[in-house]
Amino acid sequence: MASRTKLVDFFLALGEEERLKQFQTDPEAAMTAAGLSDEEKVLVRAGDEDRLRKVIGDEPRASGMRFIMSALPKKI
């Protein structure tokens, strides 16, 4: 099962310029470096905000994550 905390941490980290560049250059390596599971990687690759919201639920930091997510490509 996907970890909402790990996903939020991953997206918030993309707010740092270096991590965002790494993600833009090699999304797979960035997701692996962040320790995302295969299931979490599928969610990120799909870019399906509704599915991500369901996993993340009421995580307190989710609003910051959604802002960063909105700036990324919809599908990787």
PDB file of N, CA and C in Angstrom:
ATOM      1  N   MET A   1       0.841  -1.187   0.000  1.00  0.00           N
ATOM      2  CA  MET A   1       0.000   0.000   0.000  1.00  0.00           C
ATOM      3  C   MET A   1       0.885   1.249   0.000  1.00  0.00           C
ATOM      4  N   ALA A   2       0.492   2.228  -0.786  1.00  0.00           N
ATOM      5  CA  ALA A   2       1.255   3.473  -0.900  1.00  0.00           C
ATOM      6  C   ALA A   2       1.240   4.235   0.423  1.00  0.00           C
ATOM      7  N   SER A   3       2.359   4.850   0.727  1.00  0.00           N
ATOM      8  CA  SER A   3       2.490   5.631   1.956  1.00  0.00           C
ATOM      9  C   SER A   3       2.195   7.099   1.671  1.00  0.00           C
ATOM     10  N   ARG A   4       1.159   7.610   2.291  1.00  0.00           N
ATOM     11  CA  ARG A   4       0.804   9.007   2.030  1.00  0.00           C
ATOM     12  C   ARG A   4       1.909   9.945   2.489  1.00  0.00           C
ATOM     13  N   THR A   5       2.544   9.641   3.619  1.00  0.00           N
ATOM     14  CA  THR A   5       3.612  10.507   4.118  1.00  0.00           C
ATOM     15  C   THR A   5       4.783  10.535   3.147  1.00  0.00           C
ATOM     16  N   LYS A   6       5.169   9.370   2.633  1.00  0.00           N
ATOM     17  CA  LYS A   6       6.297   9.301   1.712  1.00  0.00           C
ATOM     18  C   LYS A   6       5.992  10.065   0.417  1.00  0.00           C
ATOM     19  N   LEU A   7       4.774   9.949  -0.081  1.00  0.00           N
ATOM     20  CA  LEU A   7       4.396  10.673  -1.298  1.00  0.00           C
ATOM     21  C   LEU A   7       4.412  12.180  -1.076  1.00  0.00           C
ATOM     22  N   VAL A   8       3.872  12.622   0.040  1.00  0.00           N
ATOM     23  CA  VAL A   8       3.873  14.058   0.335  1.00  0.00           C
ATOM     24  C   VAL A   8       5.308  14.551   0.485  1.00  0.00           C
ATOM     25  N   ASP A   9       6.140  13.810   1.204  1.00  0.00           N
ATOM     26  CA  ASP A   9       7.552  14.186   1.342  1.00  0.00           C
ATOM     27  C   ASP A   9       8.215  14.308  -0.024  1.00  0.00           C
ATOM     28  N   PHE A  10       7.935  13.353  -0.905  1.00  0.00           N
ATOM     29  CA  PHE A  10       8.526  13.362  -2.246  1.00  0.00           C
ATOM     30  C   PHE A  10       8.123  14.624  -3.003  1.00  0.00           C
ATOM     31  N   PHE A  11       6.830  14.921  -3.042  1.00  0.00           N
ATOM     32  CA  PHE A  11       6.378  16.097  -3.790  1.00  0.00           C
ATOM     33  C   PHE A  11       6.875  17.396  -3.168  1.00  0.00           C
ATOM     34  N   LEU A  12       6.893  17.482  -1.856  1.00  0.00           N
ATOM     35  CA  LEU A  12       7.400  18.699  -1.211  1.00  0.00           C
ATOM     36  C   LEU A  12       8.887  18.885  -1.489  1.00  0.00           C
ATOM     37  N   ALA A  13       9.633  17.796  -1.560  1.00  0.00           N
ATOM     38  CA  ALA A  13      11.064  17.885  -1.873  1.00  0.00           C
ATOM     39  C   ALA A  13      11.284  18.445  -3.274  1.00  0.00           C
ATOM     40  N   LEU A  14      10.325  18.239  -4.168  1.00  0.00           N
ATOM     41  CA  LEU A  14      10.452  18.783  -5.523  1.00  0.00           C
ATOM     42  C   LEU A  14      10.372  20.308  -5.526  1.00  0.00           C
ATOM     43  N   GLY A  15      10.023  20.890  -4.406  1.00  0.00           N
ATOM     44  CA  GLY A  15      10.057  22.343  -4.266  1.00  0.00           C
ATOM     45  C   GLY A  15      11.481  22.877  -4.172  1.00  0.00           C
ATOM     46  N   GLU A  16      12.442  21.983  -3.952  1.00  0.00           N
ATOM     47  CA  GLU A  16      13.854  22.362  -3.932  1.00  0.00           C
ATOM     48  C   GLU A  16      14.385  22.260  -5.360  1.00  0.00           C
ATOM     49  N   GLU A  17      15.044  23.308  -5.814  1.00  0.00           N
ATOM     50  CA  GLU A  17      15.477  23.393  -7.210  1.00  0.00           C
ATOM     51  C   GLU A  17      16.293  22.184  -7.665  1.00  0.00           C
ATOM     52  N   GLU A  18      17.235  21.744  -6.854  1.00  0.00           N
ATOM     53  CA  GLU A  18      18.092  20.620  -7.252  1.00  0.00           C
ATOM     54  C   GLU A  18      17.295  19.327  -7.416  1.00  0.00           C
ATOM     55  N   ARG A  19      16.384  19.087  -6.504  1.00  0.00           N
ATOM     56  CA  ARG A  19      15.572  17.860  -6.601  1.00  0.00           C
ATOM     57  C   ARG A  19      14.616  17.922  -7.783  1.00  0.00           C
ATOM     58  N   LEU A  20      14.092  19.099  -8.051  1.00  0.00           N
ATOM     59  CA  LEU A  20      13.215  19.246  -9.206  1.00  0.00           C
ATOM     60  C   LEU A  20      13.988  18.986 -10.493  1.00  0.00           C
ATOM     61  N   LYS A  21      15.200  19.518 -10.600  1.00  0.00           N
ATOM     62  CA  LYS A  21      16.027  19.280 -11.790  1.00  0.00           C
ATOM     63  C   LYS A  21      16.315  17.794 -11.953  1.00  0.00           C
ATOM     64  N   GLN A  22      16.625  17.124 -10.842  1.00  0.00           N
ATOM     65  CA  GLN A  22      16.879  15.684 -10.912  1.00  0.00           C
ATOM     66  C   GLN A  22      15.638  14.958 -11.420  1.00  0.00           C
ATOM     67  N   PHE A  23      14.484  15.336 -10.909  1.00  0.00           N
ATOM     68  CA  PHE A  23      13.238  14.696 -11.324  1.00  0.00           C
ATOM     69  C   PHE A  23      12.968  14.952 -12.800  1.00  0.00           C
ATOM     70  N   GLN A  24      13.200  16.176 -13.254  1.00  0.00           N
ATOM     71  CA  GLN A  24      12.962  16.507 -14.657  1.00  0.00           C
ATOM     72  C   GLN A  24      13.928  15.763 -15.575  1.00  0.00           C
ATOM     73  N   THR A  25      15.152  15.552 -15.114  1.00  0.00           N
ATOM     74  CA  THR A  25      16.168  14.869 -15.909  1.00  0.00           C
ATOM     75  C   THR A  25      15.951  13.361 -15.926  1.00  0.00           C
ATOM     76  N   ASP A  26      15.660  12.792 -14.767  1.00  0.00           N
ATOM     77  CA  ASP A  26      15.506  11.340 -14.648  1.00  0.00           C
ATOM     78  C   ASP A  26      14.483  11.022 -13.560  1.00  0.00           C
ATOM     79  N   PRO A  27      13.198  11.046 -13.927  1.00  0.00           N
ATOM     80  CA  PRO A  27      12.152  10.810 -12.928  1.00  0.00           C
ATOM     81  C   PRO A  27      12.309   9.488 -12.178  1.00  0.00           C
ATOM     82  N   GLU A  28      12.699   8.438 -12.890  1.00  0.00           N
ATOM     83  CA  GLU A  28      12.845   7.129 -12.240  1.00  0.00           C
ATOM     84  C   GLU A  28      13.907   7.163 -11.149  1.00  0.00           C
ATOM     85  N   ALA A  29      15.052   7.765 -11.463  1.00  0.00           N
ATOM     86  CA  ALA A  29      16.131   7.852 -10.474  1.00  0.00           C
ATOM     87  C   ALA A  29      15.703   8.695  -9.278  1.00  0.00           C
ATOM     88  N   ALA A  30      14.980   9.771  -9.529  1.00  0.00           N
ATOM     89  CA  ALA A  30      14.520  10.640  -8.445  1.00  0.00           C
ATOM     90  C   ALA A  30      13.541   9.904  -7.537  1.00  0.00           C
ATOM     91  N   MET A  31      12.642   9.135  -8.139  1.00  0.00           N
ATOM     92  CA  MET A  31      11.672   8.390  -7.336  1.00  0.00           C
ATOM     93  C   MET A  31      12.352   7.281  -6.540  1.00  0.00           C
ATOM     94  N   THR A  32      13.330   6.621  -7.152  1.00  0.00           N
ATOM     95  CA  THR A  32      14.073   5.571  -6.458  1.00  0.00           C
ATOM     96  C   THR A  32      14.877   6.161  -5.303  1.00  0.00           C
ATOM     97  N   ALA A  33      15.540   7.288  -5.555  1.00  0.00           N
ATOM     98  CA  ALA A  33      16.333   7.948  -4.511  1.00  0.00           C
ATOM     99  C   ALA A  33      15.453   8.367  -3.332  1.00  0.00           C
ATOM    100  N   ALA A  34      14.206   8.700  -3.615  1.00  0.00           N
ATOM    101  CA  ALA A  34      13.277   9.099  -2.557  1.00  0.00           C
ATOM    102  C   ALA A  34      12.705   7.896  -1.813  1.00  0.00           C
ATOM    103  N   GLY A  35      13.015   6.696  -2.294  1.00  0.00           N
ATOM    104  CA  GLY A  35      12.543   5.493  -1.625  1.00  0.00           C
ATOM    105  C   GLY A  35      11.100   5.132  -1.918  1.00  0.00           C
ATOM    106  N   LEU A  36      10.561   5.638  -3.046  1.00  0.00           N
ATOM    107  CA  LEU A  36       9.178   5.311  -3.380  1.00  0.00           C
ATOM    108  C   LEU A  36       9.062   3.845  -3.785  1.00  0.00           C
ATOM    109  N   SER A  37       7.976   3.224  -3.393  1.00  0.00           N
ATOM    110  CA  SER A  37       7.704   1.837  -3.773  1.00  0.00           C
ATOM    111  C   SER A  37       7.259   1.802  -5.233  1.00  0.00           C
ATOM    112  N   ASP A  38       7.185   0.605  -5.799  1.00  0.00           N
ATOM    113  CA  ASP A  38       6.708   0.477  -7.180  1.00  0.00           C
ATOM    114  C   ASP A  38       5.296   1.038  -7.313  1.00  0.00           C
ATOM    115  N   GLU A  39       4.453   0.771  -6.331  1.00  0.00           N
ATOM    116  CA  GLU A  39       3.074   1.276  -6.354  1.00  0.00           C
ATOM    117  C   GLU A  39       3.050   2.810  -6.325  1.00  0.00           C
ATOM    118  N   GLU A  40       3.894   3.396  -5.506  1.00  0.00           N
ATOM    119  CA  GLU A  40       3.959   4.862  -5.418  1.00  0.00           C
ATOM    120  C   GLU A  40       4.481   5.459  -6.724  1.00  0.00           C
ATOM    121  N   LYS A  41       5.453   4.793  -7.332  1.00  0.00           N
ATOM    122  CA  LYS A  41       5.982   5.264  -8.618  1.00  0.00           C
ATOM    123  C   LYS A  41       4.902   5.251  -9.692  1.00  0.00           C
ATOM    124  N   VAL A  42       4.076   4.214  -9.694  1.00  0.00           N
ATOM    125  CA  VAL A  42       2.974   4.133 -10.660  1.00  0.00           C
ATOM    126  C   VAL A  42       2.034   5.322 -10.470  1.00  0.00           C
ATOM    127  N   LEU A  43       1.722   5.649  -9.231  1.00  0.00           N
ATOM    128  CA  LEU A  43       0.847   6.792  -8.950  1.00  0.00           C
ATOM    129  C   LEU A  43       1.453   8.097  -9.458  1.00  0.00           C
ATOM    130  N   VAL A  44       2.741   8.289  -9.214  1.00  0.00           N
ATOM    131  CA  VAL A  44       3.410   9.519  -9.655  1.00  0.00           C
ATOM    132  C   VAL A  44       3.450   9.572 -11.176  1.00  0.00           C
ATOM    133  N   ARG A  45       3.836   8.464 -11.814  1.00  0.00           N
ATOM    134  CA  ARG A  45       3.919   8.431 -13.283  1.00  0.00           C
ATOM    135  C   ARG A  45       2.582   8.741 -13.934  1.00  0.00           C
ATOM    136  N   ALA A  46       1.508   8.224 -13.353  1.00  0.00           N
ATOM    137  CA  ALA A  46       0.178   8.405 -13.935  1.00  0.00           C
ATOM    138  C   ALA A  46      -0.268   9.860 -13.878  1.00  0.00           C
ATOM    139  N   GLY A  47       0.207  10.591 -12.890  1.00  0.00           N
ATOM    140  CA  GLY A  47      -0.177  11.995 -12.763  1.00  0.00           C
ATOM    141  C   GLY A  47      -1.658  12.192 -12.482  1.00  0.00           C
ATOM    142  N   ASP A  48      -2.299  11.182 -11.930  1.00  0.00           N
ATOM    143  CA  ASP A  48      -3.734  11.225 -11.651  1.00  0.00           C
ATOM    144  C   ASP A  48      -3.959  11.865 -10.279  1.00  0.00           C
ATOM    145  N   GLU A  49      -4.281  13.147 -10.298  1.00  0.00           N
ATOM    146  CA  GLU A  49      -4.435  13.883  -9.037  1.00  0.00           C
ATOM    147  C   GLU A  49      -5.531  13.305  -8.154  1.00  0.00           C
ATOM    148  N   ASP A  50      -6.607  12.814  -8.750  1.00  0.00           N
ATOM    149  CA  ASP A  50      -7.692  12.241  -7.949  1.00  0.00           C
ATOM    150  C   ASP A  50      -7.221  11.007  -7.181  1.00  0.00           C
ATOM    151  N   ARG A  51      -6.479  10.131  -7.852  1.00  0.00           N
ATOM    152  CA  ARG A  51      -5.959   8.938  -7.172  1.00  0.00           C
ATOM    153  C   ARG A  51      -4.969   9.324  -6.081  1.00  0.00           C
ATOM    154  N   LEU A  52      -4.109  10.291  -6.378  1.00  0.00           N
ATOM    155  CA  LEU A  52      -3.145  10.740  -5.371  1.00  0.00           C
ATOM    156  C   LEU A  52      -3.853  11.334  -4.162  1.00  0.00           C
ATOM    157  N   ARG A  53      -4.888  12.112  -4.397  1.00  0.00           N
ATOM    158  CA  ARG A  53      -5.649  12.701  -3.279  1.00  0.00           C
ATOM    159  C   ARG A  53      -6.273  11.617  -2.403  1.00  0.00           C
ATOM    160  N   LYS A  54      -6.763  10.548  -3.042  1.00  0.00           N
ATOM    161  CA  LYS A  54      -7.362   9.449  -2.273  1.00  0.00           C
ATOM    162  C   LYS A  54      -6.323   8.787  -1.374  1.00  0.00           C
ATOM    163  N   VAL A  55      -5.115   8.619  -1.889  1.00  0.00           N
ATOM    164  CA  VAL A  55      -4.050   7.998  -1.095  1.00  0.00           C
ATOM    165  C   VAL A  55      -3.605   8.934   0.021  1.00  0.00           C
ATOM    166  N   ILE A  56      -3.457  10.206  -0.310  1.00  0.00           N
ATOM    167  CA  ILE A  56      -2.921  11.176   0.641  1.00  0.00           C
ATOM    168  C   ILE A  56      -3.937  11.532   1.719  1.00  0.00           C
ATOM    169  N   GLY A  57      -5.184  11.596   1.347  1.00  0.00           N
ATOM    170  CA  GLY A  57      -6.237  11.871   2.311  1.00  0.00           C
ATOM    171  C   GLY A  57      -6.049  13.187   3.040  1.00  0.00           C
ATOM    172  N   ASP A  58      -6.058  13.140   4.366  1.00  0.00           N
ATOM    173  CA  ASP A  58      -6.028  14.357   5.177  1.00  0.00           C
ATOM    174  C   ASP A  58      -4.630  14.701   5.685  1.00  0.00           C
ATOM    175  N   GLU A  59      -3.604  14.234   5.004  1.00  0.00           N
ATOM    176  CA  GLU A  59      -2.217  14.576   5.383  1.00  0.00           C
ATOM    177  C   GLU A  59      -2.116  16.098   5.511  1.00  0.00           C
ATOM    178  N   PRO A  60      -1.677  16.616   6.663  1.00  0.00           N
ATOM    179  CA  PRO A  60      -1.653  18.061   6.910  1.00  0.00           C
ATOM    180  C   PRO A  60      -0.846  18.882   5.897  1.00  0.00           C
ATOM    181  N   ARG A  61       0.180  18.301   5.314  1.00  0.00           N
ATOM    182  CA  ARG A  61       1.020  19.063   4.382  1.00  0.00           C
ATOM    183  C   ARG A  61       0.581  18.914   2.931  1.00  0.00           C
ATOM    184  N   ALA A  62      -0.561  18.304   2.700  1.00  0.00           N
ATOM    185  CA  ALA A  62      -0.997  17.996   1.343  1.00  0.00           C
ATOM    186  C   ALA A  62      -1.224  19.232   0.483  1.00  0.00           C
ATOM    187  N   SER A  63      -1.609  20.352   1.062  1.00  0.00           N
ATOM    188  CA  SER A  63      -1.866  21.539   0.240  1.00  0.00           C
ATOM    189  C   SER A  63      -0.590  22.013  -0.447  1.00  0.00           C
ATOM    190  N   GLY A  64       0.543  21.968   0.254  1.00  0.00           N
ATOM    191  CA  GLY A  64       1.816  22.335  -0.366  1.00  0.00           C
ATOM    192  C   GLY A  64       2.200  21.364  -1.456  1.00  0.00           C
ATOM    193  N   MET A  65       1.916  20.091  -1.230  1.00  0.00           N
ATOM    194  CA  MET A  65       2.212  19.071  -2.221  1.00  0.00           C
ATOM    195  C   MET A  65       1.385  19.280  -3.478  1.00  0.00           C
ATOM    196  N   ARG A  66       0.122  19.609  -3.314  1.00  0.00           N
ATOM    197  CA  ARG A  66      -0.757  19.814  -4.476  1.00  0.00           C
ATOM    198  C   ARG A  66      -0.291  20.991  -5.320  1.00  0.00           C
ATOM    199  N   PHE A  67       0.227  22.033  -4.674  1.00  0.00           N
ATOM    200  CA  PHE A  67       0.743  23.188  -5.410  1.00  0.00           C
ATOM    201  C   PHE A  67       1.910  22.767  -6.291  1.00  0.00           C
ATOM    202  N   ILE A  68       2.837  22.012  -5.740  1.00  0.00           N
ATOM    203  CA  ILE A  68       4.001  21.553  -6.504  1.00  0.00           C
ATOM    204  C   ILE A  68       3.561  20.583  -7.592  1.00  0.00           C
ATOM    205  N   MET A  69       2.652  19.687  -7.262  1.00  0.00           N
ATOM    206  CA  MET A  69       2.159  18.710  -8.221  1.00  0.00           C
ATOM    207  C   MET A  69       1.521  19.387  -9.429  1.00  0.00           C
ATOM    208  N   SER A  70       0.848  20.502  -9.211  1.00  0.00           N
ATOM    209  CA  SER A  70       0.166  21.190 -10.310  1.00  0.00           C
ATOM    210  C   SER A  70       1.142  21.749 -11.335  1.00  0.00           C
ATOM    211  N   ALA A  71       2.398  21.928 -10.958  1.00  0.00           N
ATOM    212  CA  ALA A  71       3.395  22.470 -11.878  1.00  0.00           C
ATOM    213  C   ALA A  71       4.119  21.385 -12.674  1.00  0.00           C
ATOM    214  N   LEU A  72       3.866  20.131 -12.356  1.00  0.00           N
ATOM    215  CA  LEU A  72       4.553  19.026 -13.025  1.00  0.00           C
ATOM    216  C   LEU A  72       3.749  18.535 -14.224  1.00  0.00           C
ATOM    217  N   PRO A  73       4.416  17.824 -15.146  1.00  0.00           N
ATOM    218  CA  PRO A  73       3.680  17.232 -16.269  1.00  0.00           C
ATOM    219  C   PRO A  73       2.598  16.299 -15.737  1.00  0.00           C
ATOM    220  N   LYS A  74       1.496  16.207 -16.439  1.00  0.00           N
ATOM    221  CA  LYS A  74       0.383  15.381 -15.975  1.00  0.00           C
ATOM    222  C   LYS A  74       0.692  13.895 -16.031  1.00  0.00           C
ATOM    223  N   LYS A  75       1.547  13.485 -16.943  1.00  0.00           N
ATOM    224  CA  LYS A  75       1.889  12.072 -17.046  1.00  0.00           C
ATOM    225  C   LYS A  75       3.362  11.958 -17.377  1.00  0.00           C
ATOM    226  N   ILE A  76       4.045  11.044 -16.713  1.00  0.00           N
ATOM    227  CA  ILE A  76       5.486  10.874 -16.922  1.00  0.00           C
ATOM    228  C   ILE A  76       5.728   9.578 -17.667  1.00  0.00           C
TER     229      ILE A  76
END
